[in-house]
């Protein structure tokens, strides 16, 4: 029976926490990637990749740690934001979704090593991110953040159509990248098979 290494899980999980924090703040070096007040980040890319590379449980745990680290005050969210008040931020739903994104993407990829399954897992993860994040944002603007009188649910989704092509492309890229790394023996599953079996 294959054993899991807590040290390996901790190390690789920490790597993805760091990568997600860096991806969140890509706008610090590319400020033009802020559209309509929404920063276009690489967080979803790394959340999906965490699930594909680390597996469903470790991937989801790494995203949970990322979220809790930011809520505790570490400036790891987009535009270096942090703190418990972020729970009320309109964009917090996207951060919250990363946990489920990584878990579901990892679960789907665990079914098969095929490239189609990896890309499918990535796109499903991205869809989860959009559904949870956009609905949280709508709820925030409808309930506790002031908005223009013509604000609507339809308008919210039209707004989210702007970063959609980028996220589709990055999700496909994440799937292809994870598949390639897995074939090269660079994933939690492959490392465990090689060294901890």
N, C-alpha and C. Protein backbone atom coordinates (compact mmCIF):
# COMPACT_ATOMS: atom_id res chain seq x y z
N UNK A 1 0.84 -1.20 0.00
CA UNK A 1 0.00 0.00 0.00
C UNK A 1 0.88 1.25 0.00
N UNK A 2 0.48 2.23 -0.81
CA UNK A 2 1.26 3.45 -0.94
C UNK A 2 1.07 4.36 0.26
N UNK A 3 2.18 4.83 0.83
CA UNK A 3 2.12 5.73 1.98
C UNK A 3 2.25 7.18 1.51
N UNK A 4 1.69 8.07 2.30
CA UNK A 4 1.82 9.48 1.99
C UNK A 4 2.83 10.11 2.93
N UNK A 5 3.59 11.03 2.41
CA UNK A 5 4.59 11.72 3.21
C UNK A 5 4.05 13.07 3.65
N UNK A 6 3.84 13.25 4.97
CA UNK A 6 3.37 14.57 5.46
C UNK A 6 4.35 15.68 5.11
N UNK A 7 5.64 15.39 5.16
CA UNK A 7 6.65 16.41 4.86
C UNK A 7 6.56 16.85 3.40
N UNK A 8 6.37 15.88 2.51
CA UNK A 8 6.24 16.18 1.09
C UNK A 8 4.97 16.99 0.82
N UNK A 9 3.88 16.58 1.43
CA UNK A 9 2.61 17.30 1.26
C UNK A 9 2.73 18.74 1.75
N UNK A 10 3.38 18.91 2.91
CA UNK A 10 3.56 20.24 3.49
C UNK A 10 4.42 21.12 2.58
N UNK A 11 5.49 20.54 2.05
CA UNK A 11 6.41 21.29 1.20
C UNK A 11 5.74 21.74 -0.09
N UNK A 12 5.10 20.80 -0.78
CA UNK A 12 4.46 21.13 -2.05
C UNK A 12 3.23 22.02 -1.84
N UNK A 13 2.50 21.77 -0.75
CA UNK A 13 1.36 22.63 -0.43
C UNK A 13 1.79 24.06 -0.19
N UNK A 14 2.90 24.22 0.55
CA UNK A 14 3.43 25.56 0.83
C UNK A 14 3.87 26.26 -0.44
N UNK A 15 4.42 25.49 -1.38
CA UNK A 15 4.85 26.04 -2.66
C UNK A 15 3.66 26.66 -3.40
N UNK A 16 2.52 25.97 -3.37
CA UNK A 16 1.35 26.49 -4.07
C UNK A 16 0.70 27.65 -3.33
N UNK A 17 0.82 27.70 -2.01
CA UNK A 17 0.37 28.87 -1.27
C UNK A 17 1.16 30.09 -1.74
N UNK A 18 2.48 29.92 -1.84
CA UNK A 18 3.34 31.02 -2.29
C UNK A 18 3.05 31.42 -3.73
N UNK A 19 2.86 30.43 -4.60
CA UNK A 19 2.58 30.71 -6.01
C UNK A 19 1.25 31.46 -6.17
N UNK A 20 0.26 31.07 -5.39
CA UNK A 20 -1.05 31.73 -5.46
C UNK A 20 -0.94 33.17 -4.98
N UNK A 21 -0.15 33.40 -3.95
CA UNK A 21 0.06 34.76 -3.45
C UNK A 21 0.75 35.63 -4.50
N UNK A 22 1.73 35.05 -5.18
CA UNK A 22 2.43 35.79 -6.25
C UNK A 22 1.47 36.05 -7.40
N UNK A 23 0.70 35.03 -7.78
CA UNK A 23 -0.26 35.18 -8.86
C UNK A 23 -1.33 36.20 -8.56
N UNK A 24 -1.68 36.34 -7.28
CA UNK A 24 -2.70 37.31 -6.87
C UNK A 24 -2.23 38.74 -7.10
N UNK A 25 -0.93 38.94 -7.01
CA UNK A 25 -0.39 40.30 -7.07
C UNK A 25 0.41 40.57 -8.33
N UNK A 26 0.08 39.85 -9.39
CA UNK A 26 0.74 40.09 -10.67
C UNK A 26 0.45 41.51 -11.17
N UNK A 27 -0.67 42.08 -10.69
CA UNK A 27 -1.02 43.44 -11.10
C UNK A 27 -0.08 44.49 -10.53
N UNK A 28 0.71 44.11 -9.53
CA UNK A 28 1.67 45.07 -8.96
C UNK A 28 2.78 45.40 -9.96
N UNK A 29 3.03 44.46 -10.87
CA UNK A 29 4.03 44.72 -11.92
C UNK A 29 3.35 44.94 -13.28
N UNK A 30 2.04 44.68 -13.33
CA UNK A 30 1.29 44.89 -14.57
C UNK A 30 -0.06 45.53 -14.22
N UNK A 31 -0.05 46.82 -13.81
CA UNK A 31 -1.28 47.49 -13.37
C UNK A 31 -2.37 47.58 -14.43
N UNK A 32 -2.02 47.42 -15.70
CA UNK A 32 -3.03 47.46 -16.76
C UNK A 32 -3.95 46.24 -16.71
N UNK A 33 -3.61 45.26 -15.85
CA UNK A 33 -4.43 44.06 -15.73
C UNK A 33 -5.56 44.23 -14.72
N UNK A 34 -5.91 45.48 -14.40
CA UNK A 34 -7.07 45.76 -13.55
C UNK A 34 -8.16 46.34 -14.45
N UNK A 35 -9.25 45.61 -14.62
CA UNK A 35 -10.32 46.01 -15.54
C UNK A 35 -11.62 46.21 -14.75
N UNK A 36 -12.15 47.40 -14.81
CA UNK A 36 -13.40 47.68 -14.11
C UNK A 36 -13.29 47.50 -12.61
N UNK A 37 -12.09 47.72 -12.06
CA UNK A 37 -11.87 47.56 -10.63
C UNK A 37 -11.59 46.13 -10.21
N UNK A 38 -11.67 45.19 -11.16
CA UNK A 38 -11.40 43.79 -10.85
C UNK A 38 -9.99 43.42 -11.33
N UNK A 39 -9.09 43.07 -10.41
CA UNK A 39 -7.74 42.69 -10.82
C UNK A 39 -7.74 41.36 -11.57
N UNK A 40 -7.09 41.32 -12.72
CA UNK A 40 -6.97 40.09 -13.49
C UNK A 40 -5.73 39.36 -12.97
N UNK A 41 -5.95 38.34 -12.20
CA UNK A 41 -4.85 37.66 -11.51
C UNK A 41 -4.64 36.24 -12.04
N UNK A 42 -3.64 35.58 -11.46
CA UNK A 42 -3.34 34.18 -11.81
C UNK A 42 -3.74 33.23 -10.68
N UNK A 43 -4.57 33.70 -9.77
CA UNK A 43 -4.98 32.87 -8.63
C UNK A 43 -5.72 31.62 -9.07
N UNK A 44 -6.67 31.77 -9.98
CA UNK A 44 -7.44 30.61 -10.44
C UNK A 44 -6.53 29.59 -11.11
N UNK A 45 -5.58 30.08 -11.89
CA UNK A 45 -4.61 29.21 -12.55
C UNK A 45 -3.89 28.33 -11.53
N UNK A 46 -3.42 28.95 -10.45
CA UNK A 46 -2.67 28.19 -9.44
C UNK A 46 -3.58 27.32 -8.57
N UNK A 47 -4.82 27.76 -8.37
CA UNK A 47 -5.77 26.93 -7.61
C UNK A 47 -6.07 25.65 -8.38
N UNK A 48 -6.32 25.78 -9.68
CA UNK A 48 -6.54 24.61 -10.54
C UNK A 48 -5.31 23.73 -10.56
N UNK A 49 -4.15 24.35 -10.74
CA UNK A 49 -2.90 23.60 -10.82
C UNK A 49 -2.62 22.86 -9.51
N UNK A 50 -2.98 23.48 -8.39
CA UNK A 50 -2.78 22.83 -7.09
C UNK A 50 -3.57 21.53 -7.02
N UNK A 51 -4.82 21.56 -7.47
CA UNK A 51 -5.63 20.34 -7.46
C UNK A 51 -5.07 19.28 -8.38
N UNK A 52 -4.64 19.70 -9.57
CA UNK A 52 -4.12 18.75 -10.56
C UNK A 52 -2.78 18.15 -10.14
N UNK A 53 -1.93 18.96 -9.53
CA UNK A 53 -0.58 18.52 -9.19
C UNK A 53 -0.49 17.84 -7.82
N UNK A 54 -1.28 18.34 -6.87
CA UNK A 54 -1.17 17.84 -5.49
C UNK A 54 -2.24 16.81 -5.15
N UNK A 55 -3.27 16.73 -5.98
CA UNK A 55 -4.40 15.88 -5.65
C UNK A 55 -5.48 16.69 -4.96
N UNK A 56 -6.66 16.11 -4.87
CA UNK A 56 -7.82 16.85 -4.36
C UNK A 56 -7.64 17.34 -2.92
N UNK A 57 -7.20 16.47 -2.02
CA UNK A 57 -7.12 16.85 -0.61
C UNK A 57 -6.01 17.85 -0.33
N UNK A 58 -4.80 17.53 -0.78
CA UNK A 58 -3.67 18.44 -0.51
C UNK A 58 -3.84 19.75 -1.26
N UNK A 59 -4.38 19.68 -2.48
CA UNK A 59 -4.62 20.89 -3.24
C UNK A 59 -5.62 21.80 -2.54
N UNK A 60 -6.74 21.22 -2.07
CA UNK A 60 -7.74 22.00 -1.36
C UNK A 60 -7.19 22.56 -0.05
N UNK A 61 -6.39 21.75 0.64
CA UNK A 61 -5.79 22.20 1.90
C UNK A 61 -4.85 23.38 1.67
N UNK A 62 -4.08 23.33 0.59
CA UNK A 62 -3.16 24.44 0.31
C UNK A 62 -3.94 25.74 0.05
N UNK A 63 -5.08 25.63 -0.63
CA UNK A 63 -5.90 26.83 -0.88
C UNK A 63 -6.58 27.32 0.41
N UNK A 64 -6.93 26.39 1.30
CA UNK A 64 -7.49 26.77 2.59
C UNK A 64 -6.45 27.54 3.40
N UNK A 65 -5.22 27.05 3.40
CA UNK A 65 -4.13 27.73 4.10
C UNK A 65 -3.90 29.11 3.52
N UNK A 66 -3.94 29.20 2.19
CA UNK A 66 -3.78 30.50 1.52
C UNK A 66 -4.85 31.48 2.00
N UNK A 67 -6.10 31.03 2.02
CA UNK A 67 -7.20 31.88 2.46
C UNK A 67 -7.03 32.31 3.91
N UNK A 68 -6.72 31.36 4.79
CA UNK A 68 -6.58 31.67 6.21
C UNK A 68 -5.38 32.58 6.48
N UNK A 69 -4.32 32.41 5.70
CA UNK A 69 -3.13 33.25 5.83
C UNK A 69 -3.49 34.71 5.53
N UNK A 70 -4.29 34.91 4.48
CA UNK A 70 -4.71 36.26 4.13
C UNK A 70 -5.66 36.85 5.16
N UNK A 71 -6.59 36.04 5.65
CA UNK A 71 -7.53 36.52 6.66
C UNK A 71 -6.83 36.85 7.97
N UNK A 72 -5.71 36.17 8.23
CA UNK A 72 -4.94 36.41 9.46
C UNK A 72 -4.11 37.70 9.37
N UNK A 73 -3.99 38.25 8.17
CA UNK A 73 -3.28 39.52 8.04
C UNK A 73 -2.10 39.54 7.08
N UNK A 74 -1.71 38.39 6.55
CA UNK A 74 -0.61 38.37 5.59
C UNK A 74 -1.11 38.94 4.26
N UNK A 75 -0.38 39.87 3.65
CA UNK A 75 -0.86 40.54 2.42
C UNK A 75 -0.71 39.66 1.18
N UNK A 76 -1.49 38.58 1.13
CA UNK A 76 -1.36 37.61 0.03
C UNK A 76 -2.50 37.69 -0.98
N UNK A 77 -3.54 38.48 -0.68
CA UNK A 77 -4.64 38.61 -1.62
C UNK A 77 -4.30 39.64 -2.69
N UNK A 78 -5.14 39.75 -3.70
CA UNK A 78 -4.90 40.68 -4.79
C UNK A 78 -4.71 42.11 -4.27
N UNK A 79 -3.76 42.81 -4.88
CA UNK A 79 -3.40 44.17 -4.50
C UNK A 79 -2.93 44.24 -3.05
N UNK A 80 -2.34 43.14 -2.57
CA UNK A 80 -1.75 43.02 -1.24
C UNK A 80 -2.75 43.28 -0.11
N UNK A 81 -3.99 42.95 -0.34
CA UNK A 81 -5.01 43.13 0.69
C UNK A 81 -4.99 41.93 1.64
N UNK A 82 -5.53 42.15 2.84
CA UNK A 82 -5.54 41.08 3.84
C UNK A 82 -6.47 41.47 4.99
N UNK A 83 -6.60 40.55 5.94
CA UNK A 83 -7.36 40.83 7.15
C UNK A 83 -8.75 40.23 7.13
N UNK A 84 -9.36 40.06 8.31
CA UNK A 84 -10.69 39.45 8.41
C UNK A 84 -11.79 40.23 7.72
N UNK A 85 -11.59 41.54 7.53
CA UNK A 85 -12.60 42.36 6.85
C UNK A 85 -12.78 41.95 5.39
N UNK A 86 -11.82 41.20 4.86
CA UNK A 86 -11.91 40.74 3.48
C UNK A 86 -13.11 39.83 3.24
N UNK A 87 -13.63 39.23 4.31
CA UNK A 87 -14.81 38.37 4.17
C UNK A 87 -15.98 39.15 3.58
N UNK A 88 -16.06 40.43 3.86
CA UNK A 88 -17.14 41.27 3.35
C UNK A 88 -16.80 41.91 2.01
N UNK A 89 -15.61 41.67 1.52
CA UNK A 89 -15.22 42.25 0.23
C UNK A 89 -15.98 41.57 -0.90
N UNK A 90 -16.42 42.30 -1.90
CA UNK A 90 -17.17 41.69 -3.01
C UNK A 90 -16.43 40.57 -3.73
N UNK A 91 -15.10 40.61 -3.71
CA UNK A 91 -14.33 39.60 -4.44
C UNK A 91 -13.93 38.40 -3.57
N UNK A 92 -14.34 38.38 -2.32
CA UNK A 92 -13.91 37.29 -1.44
C UNK A 92 -14.45 35.94 -1.89
N UNK A 93 -15.59 35.93 -2.56
CA UNK A 93 -16.15 34.66 -3.04
C UNK A 93 -15.20 33.91 -3.96
N UNK A 94 -14.41 34.66 -4.74
CA UNK A 94 -13.44 34.01 -5.62
C UNK A 94 -12.36 33.32 -4.80
N UNK A 95 -11.91 33.99 -3.74
CA UNK A 95 -10.90 33.40 -2.85
C UNK A 95 -11.45 32.15 -2.18
N UNK A 96 -12.67 32.24 -1.68
CA UNK A 96 -13.32 31.11 -1.02
C UNK A 96 -13.47 29.93 -1.98
N UNK A 97 -13.75 30.24 -3.23
CA UNK A 97 -13.97 29.17 -4.22
C UNK A 97 -12.72 28.37 -4.53
N UNK A 98 -11.54 28.94 -4.30
CA UNK A 98 -10.30 28.24 -4.65
C UNK A 98 -10.20 26.88 -3.96
N UNK A 99 -10.74 26.77 -2.77
CA UNK A 99 -10.70 25.50 -2.03
C UNK A 99 -11.46 24.42 -2.80
N UNK A 100 -12.68 24.76 -3.22
CA UNK A 100 -13.49 23.80 -3.97
C UNK A 100 -12.93 23.59 -5.38
N UNK A 101 -12.39 24.64 -5.98
CA UNK A 101 -11.77 24.54 -7.31
C UNK A 101 -10.67 23.49 -7.30
N UNK A 102 -9.76 23.61 -6.33
CA UNK A 102 -8.65 22.66 -6.24
C UNK A 102 -9.14 21.25 -5.97
N UNK A 103 -10.13 21.13 -5.07
CA UNK A 103 -10.64 19.80 -4.71
C UNK A 103 -11.29 19.11 -5.90
N UNK A 104 -12.19 19.81 -6.57
CA UNK A 104 -12.92 19.22 -7.69
C UNK A 104 -11.98 18.92 -8.87
N UNK A 105 -11.11 19.87 -9.19
CA UNK A 105 -10.16 19.64 -10.28
C UNK A 105 -9.29 18.43 -9.99
N UNK A 106 -8.84 18.34 -8.74
CA UNK A 106 -8.02 17.19 -8.34
C UNK A 106 -8.79 15.88 -8.41
N UNK A 107 -10.05 15.88 -7.97
CA UNK A 107 -10.88 14.67 -7.99
C UNK A 107 -11.09 14.17 -9.42
N UNK A 108 -11.37 15.09 -10.32
CA UNK A 108 -11.60 14.71 -11.72
C UNK A 108 -10.32 14.14 -12.33
N UNK A 109 -9.19 14.81 -12.07
CA UNK A 109 -7.92 14.36 -12.63
C UNK A 109 -7.48 13.02 -12.06
N UNK A 110 -7.92 12.72 -10.83
CA UNK A 110 -7.55 11.45 -10.21
C UNK A 110 -8.22 10.25 -10.89
N UNK A 111 -9.23 10.52 -11.69
CA UNK A 111 -9.94 9.45 -12.39
C UNK A 111 -9.14 8.90 -13.57
N UNK A 112 -8.36 9.77 -14.19
CA UNK A 112 -7.63 9.38 -15.40
C UNK A 112 -6.41 10.24 -15.60
N UNK A 113 -5.38 9.68 -16.23
CA UNK A 113 -4.17 10.44 -16.52
C UNK A 113 -4.20 11.06 -17.91
N UNK A 114 -5.34 10.97 -18.60
CA UNK A 114 -5.43 11.48 -19.97
C UNK A 114 -5.47 12.99 -20.03
N UNK A 115 -4.96 13.53 -21.12
CA UNK A 115 -4.89 14.99 -21.28
C UNK A 115 -6.29 15.60 -21.32
N UNK A 116 -7.26 14.90 -21.93
CA UNK A 116 -8.62 15.44 -21.99
C UNK A 116 -9.22 15.58 -20.60
N UNK A 117 -8.93 14.62 -19.73
CA UNK A 117 -9.45 14.68 -18.36
C UNK A 117 -8.83 15.84 -17.59
N UNK A 118 -7.54 16.09 -17.82
CA UNK A 118 -6.86 17.20 -17.15
C UNK A 118 -7.45 18.54 -17.60
N UNK A 119 -7.66 18.70 -18.89
CA UNK A 119 -8.22 19.95 -19.40
C UNK A 119 -9.66 20.12 -18.93
N UNK A 120 -10.42 19.03 -18.94
CA UNK A 120 -11.81 19.07 -18.45
C UNK A 120 -11.83 19.48 -16.98
N UNK A 121 -10.95 18.89 -16.18
CA UNK A 121 -10.86 19.22 -14.75
C UNK A 121 -10.57 20.70 -14.56
N UNK A 122 -9.68 21.23 -15.39
CA UNK A 122 -9.32 22.65 -15.29
C UNK A 122 -10.50 23.55 -15.62
N UNK A 123 -11.23 23.22 -16.67
CA UNK A 123 -12.37 24.04 -17.07
C UNK A 123 -13.52 23.96 -16.07
N UNK A 124 -13.73 22.79 -15.50
CA UNK A 124 -14.75 22.64 -14.46
C UNK A 124 -14.37 23.48 -13.24
N UNK A 125 -13.09 23.44 -12.88
CA UNK A 125 -12.60 24.24 -11.76
C UNK A 125 -12.82 25.73 -12.00
N UNK A 126 -12.53 26.17 -13.22
CA UNK A 126 -12.73 27.58 -13.57
C UNK A 126 -14.21 27.95 -13.48
N UNK A 127 -15.09 27.05 -13.94
CA UNK A 127 -16.53 27.32 -13.89
C UNK A 127 -17.00 27.46 -12.45
N UNK A 128 -16.48 26.62 -11.55
CA UNK A 128 -16.83 26.71 -10.12
C UNK A 128 -16.39 28.05 -9.56
N UNK A 129 -15.21 28.48 -9.94
CA UNK A 129 -14.68 29.77 -9.50
C UNK A 129 -15.59 30.91 -9.93
N UNK A 130 -16.05 30.87 -11.16
CA UNK A 130 -16.93 31.92 -11.68
C UNK A 130 -18.30 31.91 -11.00
N UNK A 131 -18.87 30.73 -10.83
CA UNK A 131 -20.21 30.64 -10.23
C UNK A 131 -20.20 31.15 -8.79
N UNK A 132 -19.27 30.63 -7.99
CA UNK A 132 -19.21 31.05 -6.58
C UNK A 132 -18.79 32.52 -6.46
N UNK A 133 -17.74 32.88 -7.17
CA UNK A 133 -17.22 34.24 -7.07
C UNK A 133 -18.19 35.30 -7.54
N UNK A 134 -18.83 35.05 -8.68
CA UNK A 134 -19.76 36.04 -9.23
C UNK A 134 -21.01 36.18 -8.39
N UNK A 135 -21.52 35.07 -7.88
CA UNK A 135 -22.71 35.14 -7.04
C UNK A 135 -22.42 35.81 -5.70
N UNK A 136 -21.23 35.57 -5.15
CA UNK A 136 -20.83 36.26 -3.92
C UNK A 136 -20.75 37.77 -4.19
N UNK A 137 -20.14 38.12 -5.32
CA UNK A 137 -19.99 39.53 -5.66
C UNK A 137 -21.35 40.19 -5.86
N UNK A 138 -22.27 39.49 -6.51
CA UNK A 138 -23.62 40.03 -6.69
C UNK A 138 -24.30 40.25 -5.34
N UNK A 139 -24.18 39.25 -4.45
CA UNK A 139 -24.78 39.36 -3.13
C UNK A 139 -24.20 40.54 -2.36
N UNK A 140 -22.89 40.72 -2.47
CA UNK A 140 -22.24 41.84 -1.78
C UNK A 140 -22.76 43.17 -2.29
N UNK A 141 -22.82 43.32 -3.61
CA UNK A 141 -23.29 44.58 -4.18
C UNK A 141 -24.78 44.80 -3.95
N UNK A 142 -25.53 43.71 -3.82
CA UNK A 142 -26.97 43.83 -3.61
C UNK A 142 -27.33 44.10 -2.15
N UNK A 143 -26.48 43.62 -1.23
CA UNK A 143 -26.84 43.66 0.19
C UNK A 143 -26.05 44.65 1.04
N UNK A 144 -24.72 44.74 0.82
CA UNK A 144 -23.97 45.59 1.75
C UNK A 144 -22.97 46.56 1.09
N UNK A 145 -22.90 46.56 -0.21
CA UNK A 145 -22.05 47.53 -0.90
C UNK A 145 -22.94 48.38 -1.80
N UNK A 146 -22.77 49.69 -1.73
CA UNK A 146 -23.62 50.58 -2.53
C UNK A 146 -23.33 50.42 -4.02
N UNK A 147 -24.38 50.43 -4.83
CA UNK A 147 -24.26 50.26 -6.28
C UNK A 147 -25.21 51.21 -7.00
N UNK A 148 -24.99 51.44 -8.30
CA UNK A 148 -25.92 52.27 -9.08
C UNK A 148 -27.31 51.65 -9.14
N UNK A 149 -28.31 52.44 -9.39
CA UNK A 149 -29.69 51.96 -9.40
C UNK A 149 -29.97 50.95 -10.52
N UNK A 150 -29.20 51.01 -11.60
CA UNK A 150 -29.44 50.10 -12.72
C UNK A 150 -28.64 48.79 -12.60
N UNK A 151 -28.04 48.58 -11.45
CA UNK A 151 -27.26 47.36 -11.22
C UNK A 151 -28.18 46.14 -11.27
N UNK A 152 -27.72 45.06 -11.93
CA UNK A 152 -28.53 43.85 -12.05
C UNK A 152 -27.64 42.61 -12.11
N UNK A 153 -28.27 41.46 -11.92
CA UNK A 153 -27.55 40.17 -11.99
C UNK A 153 -26.99 39.95 -13.39
N UNK A 154 -27.78 40.32 -14.40
CA UNK A 154 -27.33 40.18 -15.79
C UNK A 154 -26.10 41.06 -16.05
N UNK A 155 -26.15 42.27 -15.54
CA UNK A 155 -25.03 43.19 -15.71
C UNK A 155 -23.77 42.65 -15.05
N UNK A 156 -23.94 41.98 -13.91
CA UNK A 156 -22.81 41.39 -13.21
C UNK A 156 -22.12 40.34 -14.08
N UNK A 157 -22.91 39.47 -14.71
CA UNK A 157 -22.33 38.44 -15.56
C UNK A 157 -21.72 39.03 -16.84
N UNK A 158 -22.30 40.11 -17.34
CA UNK A 158 -21.70 40.78 -18.50
C UNK A 158 -20.34 41.35 -18.13
N UNK A 159 -20.24 41.86 -16.92
CA UNK A 159 -18.99 42.39 -16.40
C UNK A 159 -17.94 41.28 -16.32
N UNK A 160 -18.37 40.10 -15.87
CA UNK A 160 -17.45 38.98 -15.72
C UNK A 160 -17.05 38.35 -17.05
N UNK A 161 -17.73 38.74 -18.13
CA UNK A 161 -17.35 38.23 -19.45
C UNK A 161 -16.00 38.78 -19.91
N UNK A 162 -15.58 39.89 -19.32
CA UNK A 162 -14.31 40.53 -19.73
C UNK A 162 -13.11 39.62 -19.47
N UNK A 163 -12.94 39.08 -18.23
CA UNK A 163 -11.77 38.21 -17.99
C UNK A 163 -11.99 36.75 -18.42
N UNK A 164 -13.19 36.41 -18.91
CA UNK A 164 -13.49 35.02 -19.24
C UNK A 164 -12.55 34.40 -20.27
N UNK A 165 -12.27 35.06 -21.41
CA UNK A 165 -11.34 34.46 -22.39
C UNK A 165 -9.97 34.16 -21.80
N UNK A 166 -9.49 35.08 -20.97
CA UNK A 166 -8.19 34.87 -20.32
C UNK A 166 -8.22 33.66 -19.41
N UNK A 167 -9.30 33.52 -18.64
CA UNK A 167 -9.39 32.41 -17.69
C UNK A 167 -9.59 31.07 -18.39
N UNK A 168 -10.32 31.07 -19.51
CA UNK A 168 -10.46 29.83 -20.28
C UNK A 168 -9.10 29.40 -20.81
N UNK A 169 -8.36 30.36 -21.37
CA UNK A 169 -7.03 30.05 -21.92
C UNK A 169 -6.08 29.56 -20.83
N UNK A 170 -6.10 30.22 -19.67
CA UNK A 170 -5.22 29.82 -18.58
C UNK A 170 -5.61 28.46 -18.00
N UNK A 171 -6.91 28.17 -18.00
CA UNK A 171 -7.37 26.88 -17.48
C UNK A 171 -6.92 25.74 -18.39
N UNK A 172 -7.06 25.96 -19.69
CA UNK A 172 -6.57 24.95 -20.64
C UNK A 172 -5.07 24.78 -20.50
N UNK A 173 -4.36 25.90 -20.35
CA UNK A 173 -2.91 25.86 -20.17
C UNK A 173 -2.54 25.10 -18.90
N UNK A 174 -3.30 25.33 -17.81
CA UNK A 174 -3.04 24.63 -16.55
C UNK A 174 -3.21 23.13 -16.73
N UNK A 175 -4.26 22.74 -17.45
CA UNK A 175 -4.49 21.32 -17.70
C UNK A 175 -3.37 20.68 -18.50
N UNK A 176 -2.96 21.35 -19.56
CA UNK A 176 -1.88 20.83 -20.41
C UNK A 176 -0.55 20.78 -19.66
N UNK A 177 -0.31 21.84 -18.88
CA UNK A 177 0.94 21.92 -18.11
C UNK A 177 1.01 20.82 -17.05
N UNK A 178 -0.10 20.63 -16.32
CA UNK A 178 -0.13 19.60 -15.29
C UNK A 178 0.00 18.21 -15.89
N UNK A 179 -0.64 17.99 -17.03
CA UNK A 179 -0.54 16.70 -17.71
C UNK A 179 0.90 16.41 -18.11
N UNK A 180 1.55 17.43 -18.65
CA UNK A 180 2.94 17.27 -19.09
C UNK A 180 3.86 16.98 -17.90
N UNK A 181 3.66 17.72 -16.81
CA UNK A 181 4.49 17.50 -15.62
C UNK A 181 4.25 16.11 -15.03
N UNK A 182 2.99 15.69 -15.05
CA UNK A 182 2.66 14.36 -14.53
C UNK A 182 3.36 13.28 -15.34
N UNK A 183 3.39 13.46 -16.66
CA UNK A 183 4.07 12.49 -17.53
C UNK A 183 5.58 12.48 -17.29
N UNK A 184 6.11 13.60 -16.84
CA UNK A 184 7.54 13.69 -16.55
C UNK A 184 7.85 13.25 -15.12
N UNK A 185 6.82 12.81 -14.40
CA UNK A 185 7.02 12.34 -13.03
C UNK A 185 7.03 13.44 -12.00
N UNK A 186 6.54 14.63 -12.38
CA UNK A 186 6.55 15.76 -11.45
C UNK A 186 5.12 16.05 -11.01
N UNK A 187 4.66 15.32 -10.02
CA UNK A 187 3.36 15.54 -9.39
C UNK A 187 3.37 14.78 -8.08
N UNK A 188 2.46 15.09 -7.20
CA UNK A 188 2.39 14.41 -5.91
C UNK A 188 2.26 12.90 -6.10
N UNK A 189 1.38 12.53 -7.02
CA UNK A 189 1.12 11.11 -7.26
C UNK A 189 2.36 10.39 -7.77
N UNK A 190 3.03 11.00 -8.73
CA UNK A 190 4.21 10.36 -9.32
C UNK A 190 5.39 10.32 -8.35
N UNK A 191 5.57 11.39 -7.59
CA UNK A 191 6.66 11.41 -6.61
C UNK A 191 6.46 10.36 -5.54
N UNK A 192 5.22 10.19 -5.09
CA UNK A 192 4.92 9.17 -4.09
C UNK A 192 5.16 7.77 -4.64
N UNK A 193 4.80 7.55 -5.89
CA UNK A 193 5.02 6.25 -6.51
C UNK A 193 6.52 5.93 -6.58
N UNK A 194 7.31 6.96 -6.86
CA UNK A 194 8.73 6.75 -7.09
C UNK A 194 9.52 6.59 -5.81
N UNK A 195 9.19 7.41 -4.81
CA UNK A 195 10.03 7.47 -3.62
C UNK A 195 9.39 6.91 -2.34
N UNK A 196 8.06 6.84 -2.30
CA UNK A 196 7.42 6.47 -1.03
C UNK A 196 6.47 5.29 -1.24
N UNK A 197 6.87 4.30 -1.98
CA UNK A 197 6.02 3.16 -2.21
C UNK A 197 6.58 1.93 -1.49
